[in-house]
C-alpha atoms as a PDB file:
ATOM      1  CA  MET A   1      99.239 157.714 123.657  1.00  0.00           C
ATOM      2  CA  SER A   2      98.669 160.829 126.934  1.00  0.00           C
ATOM      3  CA  PHE A   3      95.843 161.693 129.017  1.00  0.00           C
ATOM      4  CA  SER A   4      94.610 163.934 126.835  1.00  0.00           C
ATOM      5  CA  ASP A   5      94.017 161.094 124.106  1.00  0.00           C
ATOM      6  CA  TRP A   6      92.329 158.566 126.658  1.00  0.00           C
ATOM      7  CA  LEU A   7      90.249 160.870 128.084  1.00  0.00           C
ATOM      8  CA  PRO A   8      87.154 160.484 125.263  1.00  0.00           C
ATOM      9  CA  HIS A   9      87.880 156.634 126.102  1.00  0.00           C
ATOM     10  CA  ILE A  10      87.421 157.102 130.165  1.00  0.00           C
ATOM     11  CA  THR A  11      84.915 159.631 130.182  1.00  0.00           C
ATOM     12  CA  ARG A  12      82.384 157.268 128.212  1.00  0.00           C
ATOM     13  CA  LEU A  13      83.271 154.563 130.334  1.00  0.00           C
ATOM     14  CA  CYS A  14      82.341 156.441 133.297  1.00  0.00           C
ATOM     15  CA  ASP A  15      79.160 157.559 131.950  1.00  0.00           C
ATOM     16  CA  GLU A  16      78.602 153.699 131.159  1.00  0.00           C
ATOM     17  CA  ILE A  17      79.350 153.031 134.920  1.00  0.00           C
ATOM     18  CA  ARG A  18      76.920 156.094 135.918  1.00  0.00           C
ATOM     19  CA  LEU A  19      73.989 154.931 133.840  1.00  0.00           C
ATOM     20  CA  ARG A  20      74.501 151.228 134.850  1.00  0.00           C
ATOM     21  CA  THR A  21      75.041 151.164 138.653  1.00  0.00           C
ATOM     22  CA  ARG A  22      71.940 153.941 138.686  1.00  0.00           C
ATOM     23  CA  ASP A  23      69.847 151.403 137.186  1.00  0.00           C
ATOM     24  CA  ALA A  24      70.702 148.886 139.119  1.00  0.00           C
ATOM     25  CA  LEU A  25      70.161 151.414 142.151  1.00  0.00           C
ATOM     26  CA  SER A  26      67.004 151.911 140.853  1.00  0.00           C
ATOM     27  CA  ASP A  27      65.444 148.825 140.435  1.00  0.00           C
ATOM     28  CA  ALA A  28      66.382 147.650 143.717  1.00  0.00           C
ATOM     29  CA  ILE A  29      64.740 150.389 145.309  1.00  0.00           C
ATOM     30  CA  ARG A  30      61.242 149.831 143.008  1.00  0.00           C
ATOM     31  CA  THR A  31      61.489 146.238 143.740  1.00  0.00           C
ATOM     32  CA  GLY A  32      62.961 145.773 147.331  1.00  0.00           C
ATOM     33  CA  ASP A  33      65.399 143.595 146.558  1.00  0.00           C
ATOM     34  CA  PRO A  34      67.846 143.553 149.134  1.00  0.00           C
ATOM     35  CA  GLU A  35      71.039 141.843 147.367  1.00  0.00           C
ATOM     36  CA  LEU A  36      72.073 145.122 146.259  1.00  0.00           C
ATOM     37  CA  SER A  37      73.416 145.865 149.811  1.00  0.00           C
ATOM     38  CA  ARG A  38      74.807 142.534 151.000  1.00  0.00           C
ATOM     39  CA  PRO A  39      78.692 141.660 150.482  1.00  0.00           C
ATOM     40  CA  LEU A  40      79.124 139.063 148.029  1.00  0.00           C
ATOM     41  CA  LYS A  41      82.888 138.477 148.664  1.00  0.00           C
ATOM     42  CA  ARG A  42      86.262 139.716 149.305  1.00  0.00           C
ATOM     43  CA  GLY A  43      88.245 141.129 146.548  1.00  0.00           C
ATOM     44  CA  ALA A  44      92.039 142.184 146.079  1.00  0.00           C
ATOM     45  CA  GLY A  45      91.249 146.097 148.211  1.00  0.00           C
ATOM     46  CA  ASP A  46      87.676 145.946 149.633  1.00  0.00           C
ATOM     47  CA  PHE A  47      84.200 143.865 149.541  1.00  0.00           C
ATOM     48  CA  THR A  48      82.446 143.669 146.681  1.00  0.00           C
ATOM     49  CA  TYR A  49      78.588 144.478 147.263  1.00  0.00           C
ATOM     50  CA  GLY A  50      75.722 143.793 144.536  1.00  0.00           C
ATOM     51  CA  LEU A  51      76.160 147.064 143.711  1.00  0.00           C
ATOM     52  CA  ASP A  52      79.554 146.712 142.704  1.00  0.00           C
ATOM     53  CA  LEU A  53      78.717 144.105 140.077  1.00  0.00           C
ATOM     54  CA  PRO A  54      77.792 146.578 137.143  1.00  0.00           C
ATOM     55  CA  SER A  55      80.706 148.529 137.420  1.00  0.00           C
ATOM     56  CA  GLU A  56      82.857 145.806 137.385  1.00  0.00           C
ATOM     57  CA  ASP A  57      81.086 144.264 134.570  1.00  0.00           C
ATOM     58  CA  CYS A  58      81.560 147.212 132.172  1.00  0.00           C
ATOM     59  CA  LEU A  59      84.861 147.811 133.177  1.00  0.00           C
ATOM     60  CA  ARG A  60      86.071 144.164 132.080  1.00  0.00           C
ATOM     61  CA  ALA A  61      84.181 144.335 128.451  1.00  0.00           C
ATOM     62  CA  TRP A  62      86.159 148.033 128.285  1.00  0.00           C
ATOM     63  CA  HIS A  63      89.277 146.716 128.980  1.00  0.00           C
ATOM     64  CA  GLY A  64      89.081 143.778 126.607  1.00  0.00           C
ATOM     65  CA  ALA A  65      87.932 146.325 123.917  1.00  0.00           C
ATOM     66  CA  ARG A  66      90.506 148.542 124.656  1.00  0.00           C
ATOM     67  CA  ALA A  67      93.736 145.877 124.541  1.00  0.00           C
ATOM     68  CA  ARG A  68      92.355 144.842 120.955  1.00  0.00           C
ATOM     69  CA  GLU A  69      93.582 148.366 119.968  1.00  0.00           C
ATOM     70  CA  GLY A  70      96.968 148.262 121.664  1.00  0.00           C
ATOM     71  CA  PRO A  71      97.875 147.338 125.265  1.00  0.00           C
ATOM     72  CA  LEU A  72      97.134 148.431 128.571  1.00  0.00           C
ATOM     73  CA  SER A  73      97.574 147.939 132.724  1.00  0.00           C
ATOM     74  CA  VAL A  74      94.134 148.328 134.365  1.00  0.00           C
ATOM     75  CA  MET A  75      93.735 148.003 138.013  1.00  0.00           C
ATOM     76  CA  THR A  76      90.640 147.496 140.236  1.00  0.00           C
ATOM     77  CA  GLU A  77      89.790 146.654 143.862  1.00  0.00           C
ATOM     78  CA  ASP A  78      88.138 143.610 142.790  1.00  0.00           C
ATOM     79  CA  SER A  79      90.971 141.926 140.951  1.00  0.00           C
ATOM     80  CA  GLY A  80      93.996 144.148 141.363  1.00  0.00           C
ATOM     81  CA  TRP A  81      96.085 144.647 138.020  1.00  0.00           C
ATOM     82  CA  ARG A  82      95.374 142.860 134.825  1.00  0.00           C
ATOM     83  CA  HIS A  83      97.751 143.491 131.842  1.00  0.00           C
ATOM     84  CA  LEU A  84      95.736 142.879 128.256  1.00  0.00           C
ATOM     85  CA  GLY A  85      96.673 143.520 124.436  1.00  0.00           C
ATOM     86  CA  PRO A  86      96.144 142.200 120.981  1.00  0.00           C
ATOM     87  CA  GLY A  87      97.641 138.617 120.154  1.00  0.00           C
ATOM     88  CA  PRO A  88      98.639 137.388 116.846  1.00  0.00           C
ATOM     89  CA  LYS A  89      95.298 136.694 115.512  1.00  0.00           C
ATOM     90  CA  GLY A  90      93.552 139.874 116.800  1.00  0.00           C
ATOM     91  CA  GLU A  91      92.351 138.208 120.004  1.00  0.00           C
ATOM     92  CA  VAL A  92      92.918 139.631 123.628  1.00  0.00           C
ATOM     93  CA  VAL A  93      95.853 138.276 125.481  1.00  0.00           C
ATOM     94  CA  GLU A  94      97.406 138.295 128.842  1.00  0.00           C
ATOM     95  CA  LEU A  95     100.432 140.211 129.129  1.00  0.00           C
ATOM     96  CA  PRO A  96     103.370 139.200 131.497  1.00  0.00           C
ATOM     97  CA  GLY A  97     103.748 142.654 132.905  1.00  0.00           C
ATOM     98  CA  PHE A  98     103.695 146.251 132.412  1.00  0.00           C
ATOM     99  CA  ASP A  99     106.404 147.157 130.524  1.00  0.00           C
ATOM    100  CA  HIS A 100     104.356 146.730 127.251  1.00  0.00           C
ATOM    101  CA  GLY A 101     104.371 150.160 126.046  1.00  0.00           C
ATOM    102  CA  GLY A 102     100.743 151.068 127.086  1.00  0.00           C
ATOM    103  CA  PRO A 103      99.328 153.285 129.749  1.00  0.00           C
ATOM    104  CA  ARG A 104      98.634 152.244 133.575  1.00  0.00           C
ATOM    105  CA  ILE A 105      94.779 153.335 134.541  1.00  0.00           C
ATOM    106  CA  GLY A 106      93.566 152.526 138.095  1.00  0.00           C
ATOM    107  CA  PHE A 107      89.996 152.504 139.021  1.00  0.00           C
ATOM    108  CA  ASP A 108      87.498 152.519 141.626  1.00  0.00           C
ATOM    109  CA  PRO A 109      84.304 152.681 139.667  1.00  0.00           C
ATOM    110  CA  VAL A 110      82.204 153.068 143.005  1.00  0.00           C
ATOM    111  CA  ASP A 111      84.271 154.881 145.455  1.00  0.00           C
ATOM    112  CA  GLY A 112      81.166 155.784 147.818  1.00  0.00           C
ATOM    113  CA  THR A 113      79.620 152.222 147.523  1.00  0.00           C
ATOM    114  CA  ARG A 114      78.323 152.207 150.779  1.00  0.00           C
ATOM    115  CA  ASN A 115      76.630 156.173 150.824  1.00  0.00           C
ATOM    116  CA  LEU A 116      75.306 154.896 147.447  1.00  0.00           C
ATOM    117  CA  MET A 117      73.590 151.769 147.988  1.00  0.00           C
ATOM    118  CA  ALA A 118      71.473 153.514 150.654  1.00  0.00           C
ATOM    119  CA  ASP A 119      70.294 155.837 148.233  1.00  0.00           C
ATOM    120  CA  LEU A 120      72.047 158.508 151.031  1.00  0.00           C
ATOM    121  CA  ARG A 121      74.597 160.118 148.962  1.00  0.00           C
ATOM    122  CA  SER A 122      76.844 160.482 145.822  1.00  0.00           C
ATOM    123  CA  ALA A 123      79.521 157.666 144.817  1.00  0.00           C
ATOM    124  CA  TRP A 124      82.447 158.519 142.333  1.00  0.00           C
ATOM    125  CA  THR A 125      84.265 156.979 139.965  1.00  0.00           C
ATOM    126  CA  VAL A 126      87.827 157.765 140.271  1.00  0.00           C
ATOM    127  CA  VAL A 127      90.450 156.843 137.872  1.00  0.00           C
ATOM    128  CA  SER A 128      94.269 157.186 137.733  1.00  0.00           C
ATOM    129  CA  PHE A 129      95.923 157.397 134.605  1.00  0.00           C
ATOM    130  CA  ALA A 130      99.646 157.050 134.446  1.00  0.00           C
ATOM    131  CA  PRO A 131     101.550 156.733 131.039  1.00  0.00           C
ATOM    132  CA  ALA A 132     103.777 153.716 129.784  1.00  0.00           C
ATOM    133  CA  GLY A 133     106.325 152.760 132.378  1.00  0.00           C
ATOM    134  CA  THR A 134     107.747 149.444 132.975  1.00  0.00           C
ATOM    135  CA  GLY A 135     106.468 148.652 136.646  1.00  0.00           C
ATOM    136  CA  GLU A 136     103.556 149.500 139.345  1.00  0.00           C
ATOM    137  CA  PRO A 137     102.875 153.173 139.144  1.00  0.00           C
ATOM    138  CA  ARG A 138     103.772 155.564 142.252  1.00  0.00           C
ATOM    139  CA  LEU A 139     101.646 158.789 142.709  1.00  0.00           C
ATOM    140  CA  GLY A 140     104.135 161.207 141.904  1.00  0.00           C
ATOM    141  CA  GLU A 141     104.242 159.446 137.820  1.00  0.00           C
ATOM    142  CA  LEU A 142     100.435 159.910 137.751  1.00  0.00           C
ATOM    143  CA  SER A 143      99.652 162.165 134.878  1.00  0.00           C
ATOM    144  CA  GLY A 144      95.821 162.285 135.024  1.00  0.00           C
ATOM    145  CA  GLY A 145      92.782 161.872 136.772  1.00  0.00           C
ATOM    146  CA  MET A 146      89.105 161.895 136.845  1.00  0.00           C
ATOM    147  CA  ILE A 147      86.191 161.744 139.773  1.00  0.00           C
ATOM    148  CA  ALA A 148      82.975 161.450 137.745  1.00  0.00           C
ATOM    149  CA  GLU A 149      80.087 161.559 139.984  1.00  0.00           C
ATOM    150  CA  ILE A 150      77.102 158.691 140.300  1.00  0.00           C
ATOM    151  CA  PRO A 151      74.528 160.340 141.834  1.00  0.00           C
ATOM    152  CA  THR A 152      71.551 159.243 143.829  1.00  0.00           C
ATOM    153  CA  THR A 153      68.146 158.425 142.270  1.00  0.00           C
ATOM    154  CA  ARG A 154      66.839 161.644 143.465  1.00  0.00           C
ATOM    155  CA  ALA A 155      69.623 163.559 141.776  1.00  0.00           C
ATOM    156  CA  ALA A 156      68.631 165.892 138.533  1.00  0.00           C
ATOM    157  CA  ARG A 157      72.315 166.597 137.653  1.00  0.00           C
ATOM    158  CA  PHE A 158      75.798 164.616 137.927  1.00  0.00           C
ATOM    159  CA  ARG A 159      79.197 166.383 137.999  1.00  0.00           C
ATOM    160  CA  ARG A 160      82.879 165.369 136.295  1.00  0.00           C
ATOM    161  CA  PHE A 161      86.190 166.452 137.394  1.00  0.00           C
ATOM    162  CA  PHE A 162      88.793 165.697 135.321  1.00  0.00           C
ATOM    163  CA  SER A 163      92.867 167.135 135.688  1.00  0.00           C
ATOM    164  CA  ASP A 164      96.138 166.544 133.158  1.00  0.00           C
ATOM    165  CA  GLY A 165      98.041 167.635 136.555  1.00  0.00           C
ATOM    166  CA  ASP A 166      98.399 170.979 135.838  1.00  0.00           C
ATOM    167  CA  THR A 167      94.937 172.815 135.525  1.00  0.00           C
ATOM    168  CA  THR A 168      91.311 171.022 136.529  1.00  0.00           C
ATOM    169  CA  TRP A 169      87.906 170.837 134.883  1.00  0.00           C
ATOM    170  CA  LEU A 170      84.231 170.474 135.914  1.00  0.00           C
ATOM    171  CA  GLU A 171      81.823 169.437 133.222  1.00  0.00           C
ATOM    172  CA  GLU A 172      78.203 169.181 134.404  1.00  0.00           C
ATOM    173  CA  GLY A 173      75.275 167.122 132.954  1.00  0.00           C
ATOM    174  CA  ALA A 174      71.721 166.816 133.068  1.00  0.00           C
ATOM    175  CA  LEU A 175      70.394 163.244 134.355  1.00  0.00           C
ATOM    176  CA  GLY A 176      67.278 162.119 132.070  1.00  0.00           C
ATOM    177  CA  GLY A 177      66.304 159.506 134.944  1.00  0.00           C
ATOM    178  CA  ALA A 178      68.017 156.584 136.109  1.00  0.00           C
ATOM    179  CA  SER A 179      67.105 154.233 133.355  1.00  0.00           C
ATOM    180  CA  GLU A 180      67.143 156.739 130.705  1.00  0.00           C
ATOM    181  CA  GLU A 181      69.684 157.351 128.242  1.00  0.00           C
ATOM    182  CA  GLU A 182      71.478 160.840 129.439  1.00  0.00           C
ATOM    183  CA  SER A 183      71.994 164.243 127.715  1.00  0.00           C
ATOM    184  CA  PRO A 184      75.656 164.970 127.433  1.00  0.00           C
ATOM    185  CA  PRO A 185      77.360 167.532 129.716  1.00  0.00           C
ATOM    186  CA  ILE A 186      75.841 171.215 129.752  1.00  0.00           C
ATOM    187  CA  GLY A 187      78.018 173.827 128.285  1.00  0.00           C
ATOM    188  CA  PRO A 188      81.672 174.032 127.877  1.00  0.00           C
ATOM    189  CA  ALA A 189      83.887 172.812 131.384  1.00  0.00           C
ATOM    190  CA  ARG A 190      85.277 175.480 133.443  1.00  0.00           C
ATOM    191  CA  VAL A 191      87.981 175.657 134.712  1.00  0.00           C
ATOM    192  CA  VAL A 192      88.492 174.866 138.929  1.00  0.00           C
ATOM    193  CA  ARG A 193      90.416 176.973 141.361  1.00  0.00           C
ATOM    194  CA  THR A 194      90.040 177.218 145.119  1.00  0.00           C
ATOM    195  CA  ASP A 195      90.016 180.705 146.896  1.00  0.00           C
ATOM    196  CA  GLY A 196      92.307 182.210 148.657  1.00  0.00           C
ATOM    197  CA  ASP A 197      90.973 182.445 152.468  1.00  0.00           C
ATOM    198  CA  ASP A 198      92.870 180.815 154.829  1.00  0.00           C
ATOM    199  CA  ARG A 199      89.720 181.266 157.694  1.00  0.00           C
ATOM    200  CA  PRO A 200      89.917 178.512 160.573  1.00  0.00           C
ATOM    201  CA  ASP A 201      86.363 178.427 160.967  1.00  0.00           C
ATOM    202  CA  HIS A 202      83.247 179.225 159.074  1.00  0.00           C
ATOM    203  CA  GLY A 203      83.200 175.823 157.113  1.00  0.00           C
ATOM    204  CA  TYR A 204      83.866 172.121 157.147  1.00  0.00           C
ATOM    205  CA  PHE A 205      86.462 170.639 159.156  1.00  0.00           C
ATOM    206  CA  PRO A 206      85.987 167.131 158.893  1.00  0.00           C
ATOM    207  CA  PHE A 207      88.165 164.490 160.947  1.00  0.00           C
ATOM    208  CA  PHE A 208      87.183 161.068 159.066  1.00  0.00           C
ATOM    209  CA  ARG A 209      86.707 158.234 161.809  1.00  0.00           C
ATOM    210  CA  TYR A 210      83.511 156.705 160.814  1.00  0.00           C
ATOM    211  CA  ASP A 211      85.153 153.306 162.404  1.00  0.00           C
ATOM    212  CA  PRO A 212      84.016 152.443 165.678  1.00  0.00           C
ATOM    213  CA  LEU A 213      87.092 151.105 167.018  1.00  0.00           C
ATOM    214  CA  GLN A 214      89.363 154.576 166.004  1.00  0.00           C
ATOM    215  CA  ARG A 215      87.167 157.129 166.939  1.00  0.00           C
ATOM    216  CA  LEU A 216      88.359 157.476 170.544  1.00  0.00           C
ATOM    217  CA  VAL A 217      91.777 158.287 169.557  1.00  0.00           C
ATOM    218  CA  ILE A 218      91.090 160.516 166.104  1.00  0.00           C
ATOM    219  CA  ALA A 219      88.616 162.200 168.722  1.00  0.00           C
ATOM    220  CA  GLU A 220      90.898 162.670 171.140  1.00  0.00           C
ATOM    221  CA  TRP A 221      93.532 164.456 168.331  1.00  0.00           C
ATOM    222  CA  GLU A 222      90.686 166.504 167.077  1.00  0.00           C
ATOM    223  CA  ALA A 223      89.544 167.880 170.278  1.00  0.00           C
ATOM    224  CA  ARG A 224      93.189 169.121 170.771  1.00  0.00           C
ATOM    225  CA  PHE A 225      93.649 170.707 167.990  1.00  0.00           C
ATOM    226  CA  PHE A 226      90.387 172.817 167.892  1.00  0.00           C
ATOM    227  CA  GLU A 227      91.690 173.740 171.262  1.00  0.00           C
ATOM    228  CA  ARG A 228      94.320 175.024 169.777  1.00  0.00           C
ATOM    229  CA  LEU A 229      92.423 176.653 167.201  1.00  0.00           C
ATOM    230  CA  GLU A 230      90.362 178.836 169.374  1.00  0.00           C
ATOM    231  CA  ARG A 231      93.263 179.595 171.580  1.00  0.00           C
ATOM    232  CA  ASN A 232      96.118 180.470 169.482  1.00  0.00           C
ATOM    233  CA  GLU A 233      93.521 181.418 165.899  1.00  0.00           C
ATOM    234  CA  ASN A 234      90.603 183.002 167.503  1.00  0.00           C
ATOM    235  CA  ALA A 235      88.351 180.245 165.857  1.00  0.00           C
ATOM    236  CA  GLU A 236      84.737 180.537 166.881  1.00  0.00           C
ATOM    237  CA  MET A 237      83.664 176.723 167.637  1.00  0.00           C
ATOM    238  CA  HIS A 238      80.247 177.150 166.820  1.00  0.00           C
ATOM    239  CA  THR A 239      80.937 177.864 163.207  1.00  0.00           C
ATOM    240  CA  ILE A 240      83.133 174.729 162.606  1.00  0.00           C
ATOM    241  CA  TYR A 241      81.238 171.795 161.527  1.00  0.00           C
ATOM    242  CA  ASN A 242      81.814 167.714 160.920  1.00  0.00           C
ATOM    243  CA  ASP A 243      80.907 165.644 158.091  1.00  0.00           C
ATOM    244  CA  GLN A 244      81.229 162.118 157.547  1.00  0.00           C
ATOM    245  CA  TYR A 245      81.638 161.308 153.915  1.00  0.00           C
ATOM    246  CA  CYS A 246      82.551 157.658 153.092  1.00  0.00           C
ATOM    247  CA  SER A 247      84.161 158.064 150.077  1.00  0.00           C
ATOM    248  CA  SER A 248      87.678 159.664 149.572  1.00  0.00           C
ATOM    249  CA  GLY A 249      87.049 161.197 145.893  1.00  0.00           C
ATOM    250  CA  GLY A 250      84.481 163.053 147.302  1.00  0.00           C
ATOM    251  CA  GLN A 251      85.843 164.362 150.159  1.00  0.00           C
ATOM    252  CA  LEU A 252      88.314 166.001 147.450  1.00  0.00           C
ATOM    253  CA  VAL A 253      85.823 166.959 145.522  1.00  0.00           C
ATOM    254  CA  GLU A 254      84.143 168.968 148.983  1.00  0.00           C
ATOM    255  CA  LEU A 255      87.888 170.237 149.250  1.00  0.00           C
ATOM    256  CA  MET A 256      88.238 171.673 145.845  1.00  0.00           C
ATOM    257  CA  SER A 257      84.695 173.206 145.768  1.00  0.00           C
ATOM    258  CA  GLY A 258      85.751 174.812 149.235  1.00  0.00           C
ATOM    259  CA  THR A 259      83.373 173.468 151.519  1.00  0.00           C
ATOM    260  CA  TYR A 260      85.898 171.645 153.087  1.00  0.00           C
ATOM    261  CA  ARG A 261      88.398 173.668 154.475  1.00  0.00           C
ATOM    262  CA  MET A 262      90.546 170.724 155.432  1.00  0.00           C
ATOM    263  CA  ILE A 263      90.421 167.256 155.829  1.00  0.00           C
ATOM    264  CA  VAL A 264      92.106 164.370 157.865  1.00  0.00           C
ATOM    265  CA  ASP A 265      91.974 160.806 157.246  1.00  0.00           C
ATOM    266  CA  ALA A 266      94.402 159.633 160.141  1.00  0.00           C
ATOM    267  CA  ARG A 267      93.400 155.992 160.220  1.00  0.00           C
ATOM    268  CA  ALA A 268      96.268 154.259 159.087  1.00  0.00           C
ATOM    269  CA  LEU A 269      98.406 156.365 161.168  1.00  0.00           C
ATOM    270  CA  ALA A 270      96.154 155.452 163.926  1.00  0.00           C
ATOM    271  CA  ALA A 271      96.817 152.128 163.319  1.00  0.00           C
ATOM    272  CA  ARG A 272     100.112 152.283 162.862  1.00  0.00           C
ATOM    273  CA  ARG A 273     100.669 153.376 166.247  1.00  0.00           C
ATOM    274  CA  SER A 274      98.137 150.834 167.880  1.00  0.00           C
ATOM    275  CA  GLY A 275      99.056 147.969 166.108  1.00  0.00           C
ATOM    276  CA  THR A 276      95.883 146.892 164.929  1.00  0.00           C
ATOM    277  CA  ASN A 277      94.787 146.167 161.447  1.00  0.00           C
ATOM    278  CA  GLN A 278      91.505 148.603 160.344  1.00  0.00           C
ATOM    279  CA  ILE A 279      89.974 149.866 157.915  1.00  0.00           C
ATOM    280  CA  PHE A 280      92.073 152.738 155.771  1.00  0.00           C
ATOM    281  CA  THR A 281      92.035 154.633 152.471  1.00  0.00           C
ATOM    282  CA  LYS A 282      94.061 152.525 149.615  1.00  0.00           C
ATOM    283  CA  PRO A 283      95.831 154.218 146.429  1.00  0.00           C
ATOM    284  CA  TYR A 284      92.936 152.992 143.959  1.00  0.00           C
ATOM    285  CA  ASP A 285      90.137 155.014 146.319  1.00  0.00           C
ATOM    286  CA  ILE A 286      92.131 158.534 145.910  1.00  0.00           C
ATOM    287  CA  GLY A 287      95.116 158.393 143.154  1.00  0.00           C
ATOM    288  CA  GLY A 288      93.300 160.025 140.280  1.00  0.00           C
ATOM    289  CA  ALA A 289      91.406 162.505 142.964  1.00  0.00           C
ATOM    290  CA  ILE A 290      94.331 163.845 144.202  1.00  0.00           C
ATOM    291  CA  VAL A 291      95.930 165.203 141.022  1.00  0.00           C
ATOM    292  CA  CYS A 292      92.694 166.873 140.276  1.00  0.00           C
ATOM    293  CA  ALA A 293      92.469 168.187 143.819  1.00  0.00           C
ATOM    294  CA  ARG A 294      96.047 169.429 143.616  1.00  0.00           C
ATOM    295  CA  ALA A 295      95.698 171.013 140.387  1.00  0.00           C
ATOM    296  CA  ALA A 296      92.671 172.890 141.529  1.00  0.00           C
ATOM    297  CA  GLY A 297      94.779 174.524 144.448  1.00  0.00           C
ATOM    298  CA  CYS A 298      94.316 172.067 147.252  1.00  0.00           C
ATOM    299  CA  GLU A 299      97.208 171.118 149.745  1.00  0.00           C
ATOM    300  CA  LEU A 300      97.775 167.624 150.816  1.00  0.00           C
ATOM    301  CA  THR A 301     100.420 165.619 152.653  1.00  0.00           C
ATOM    302  CA  ASP A 302      99.941 162.896 154.448  1.00  0.00           C
ATOM    303  CA  ALA A 303      99.153 162.557 158.184  1.00  0.00           C
ATOM    304  CA  GLU A 304     102.118 163.477 159.749  1.00  0.00           C
ATOM    305  CA  GLY A 305     102.953 166.668 157.168  1.00  0.00           C
ATOM    306  CA  ASN A 306     105.459 164.609 155.065  1.00  0.00           C
ATOM    307  CA  ALA A 307     105.530 164.430 151.115  1.00  0.00           C
ATOM    308  CA  LEU A 308     102.656 162.084 150.076  1.00  0.00           C
ATOM    309  CA  ASP A 309     103.525 159.059 147.815  1.00  0.00           C
ATOM    310  CA  PHE A 310     102.568 155.830 147.731  1.00  0.00           C
ATOM    311  CA  PRO A 311     102.419 152.890 145.024  1.00  0.00           C
ATOM    312  CA  LEU A 312      99.252 152.752 142.733  1.00  0.00           C
ATOM    313  CA  ASP A 313      97.701 149.356 144.168  1.00  0.00           C
ATOM    314  CA  VAL A 314      94.903 148.003 146.145  1.00  0.00           C
ATOM    315  CA  THR A 315      96.192 146.819 149.712  1.00  0.00           C
ATOM    316  CA  THR A 316      98.545 150.253 150.507  1.00  0.00           C
ATOM    317  CA  PRO A 317      97.386 151.946 153.445  1.00  0.00           C
ATOM    318  CA  VAL A 318      97.172 155.950 152.922  1.00  0.00           C
ATOM    319  CA  ASP A 319      96.698 158.758 155.418  1.00  0.00           C
ATOM    320  CA  PHE A 320      96.359 162.093 154.527  1.00  0.00           C
ATOM    321  CA  CYS A 321      95.428 165.820 155.342  1.00  0.00           C
ATOM    322  CA  GLY A 322      94.157 168.054 152.880  1.00  0.00           C
ATOM    323  CA  TYR A 323      93.631 171.766 152.785  1.00  0.00           C
ATOM    324  CA  VAL A 324      91.459 174.294 150.822  1.00  0.00           C
ATOM    325  CA  ASN A 325      94.538 176.327 149.636  1.00  0.00           C
ATOM    326  CA  ALA A 326      97.976 177.071 150.477  1.00  0.00           C
ATOM    327  CA  PRO A 327      97.256 179.696 152.646  1.00  0.00           C
ATOM    328  CA  THR A 328      95.114 177.468 154.953  1.00  0.00           C
ATOM    329  CA  ARG A 329      98.024 174.843 155.526  1.00  0.00           C
ATOM    330  CA  LEU A 330     100.601 177.771 156.402  1.00  0.00           C
ATOM    331  CA  ARG A 331      97.803 178.557 159.264  1.00  0.00           C
ATOM    332  CA  LEU A 332      96.707 175.515 159.958  1.00  0.00           C
ATOM    333  CA  GLU A 333      99.003 172.723 159.887  1.00  0.00           C
ATOM    334  CA  PRO A 334     101.335 173.651 162.421  1.00  0.00           C
ATOM    335  CA  HIS A 335      98.566 173.051 165.129  1.00  0.00           C
ATOM    336  CA  TRP A 336      97.909 169.938 163.666  1.00  0.00           C
ATOM    337  CA  LEU A 337     101.722 168.927 163.724  1.00  0.00           C
ATOM    338  CA  ALA A 338     101.934 170.281 167.145  1.00  0.00           C
ATOM    339  CA  VAL A 339      99.076 167.768 168.348  1.00  0.00           C
ATOM    340  CA  VAL A 340     100.094 164.476 165.984  1.00  0.00           C
ATOM    341  CA  ARG A 341     103.502 164.392 166.388  1.00  0.00           C
END
């Protein structure tokens, strides 16, 4: 079965994750319950907070239900890869590995937990879809992706981006309230394409560096990059804006929309060069989001300008540089590479 065959099932799962997560957030805000924002355990990929639990429950139930009909492998940041399929008596059984003929699907159910649990900014469910294969998939094997919004309790609408690798579509829907059944998407899905402007200013050009231990080195690269833009591209510095969105999927949504003209996440590169172990983006955070962004016209490389590729797992450090379109990359990448190399 292809990504398009699985799309209705994945969409319903993302809808349920959005509903259950916003229910939990709304209840915690109303009652003043602090448990939602406390780290409960260290999962396979990251800390699990109270806000993550409803989505993990949704995923486990969904995986079991789908496995009754056919085998599939599912990866989450909490559990890593699990392989399930139907047993001889209709029960769900654990499978020994990937070689079962079903799809391989990675999920970050709540990408941006820290923002959302403060009711500050949307989180996103990031889905990375690979067809059947005999081992752990890599980025280049993904044939579909989805980025589904989990808005704050004050939002009136949600967005959902999905791609088959060739085209990216956007659906928008109205929220009926955090504890109410929500309406279906409003109107038909529309194709998402980035603009062709290569301007070096008048927009957001974030260098992601929320971790205090990495701010100095990344800020130095950032300052040298913008010095080059001012000197060589006549960029107007007062029209270059910053944003620190703690969600890799959310960052690529902003890139596809044209709000971000360029985004650099060089945390893993900084950690390698300093020999330290810091927090960084991981494959499950961003795989499906990259599929959507590329099909919409964005250009993405690793932080040193190389082809971006990685195994879809919960541990591999990922650094990346994203450009809103090919002309922007052509104009700005030489300045970034002159700095970072």
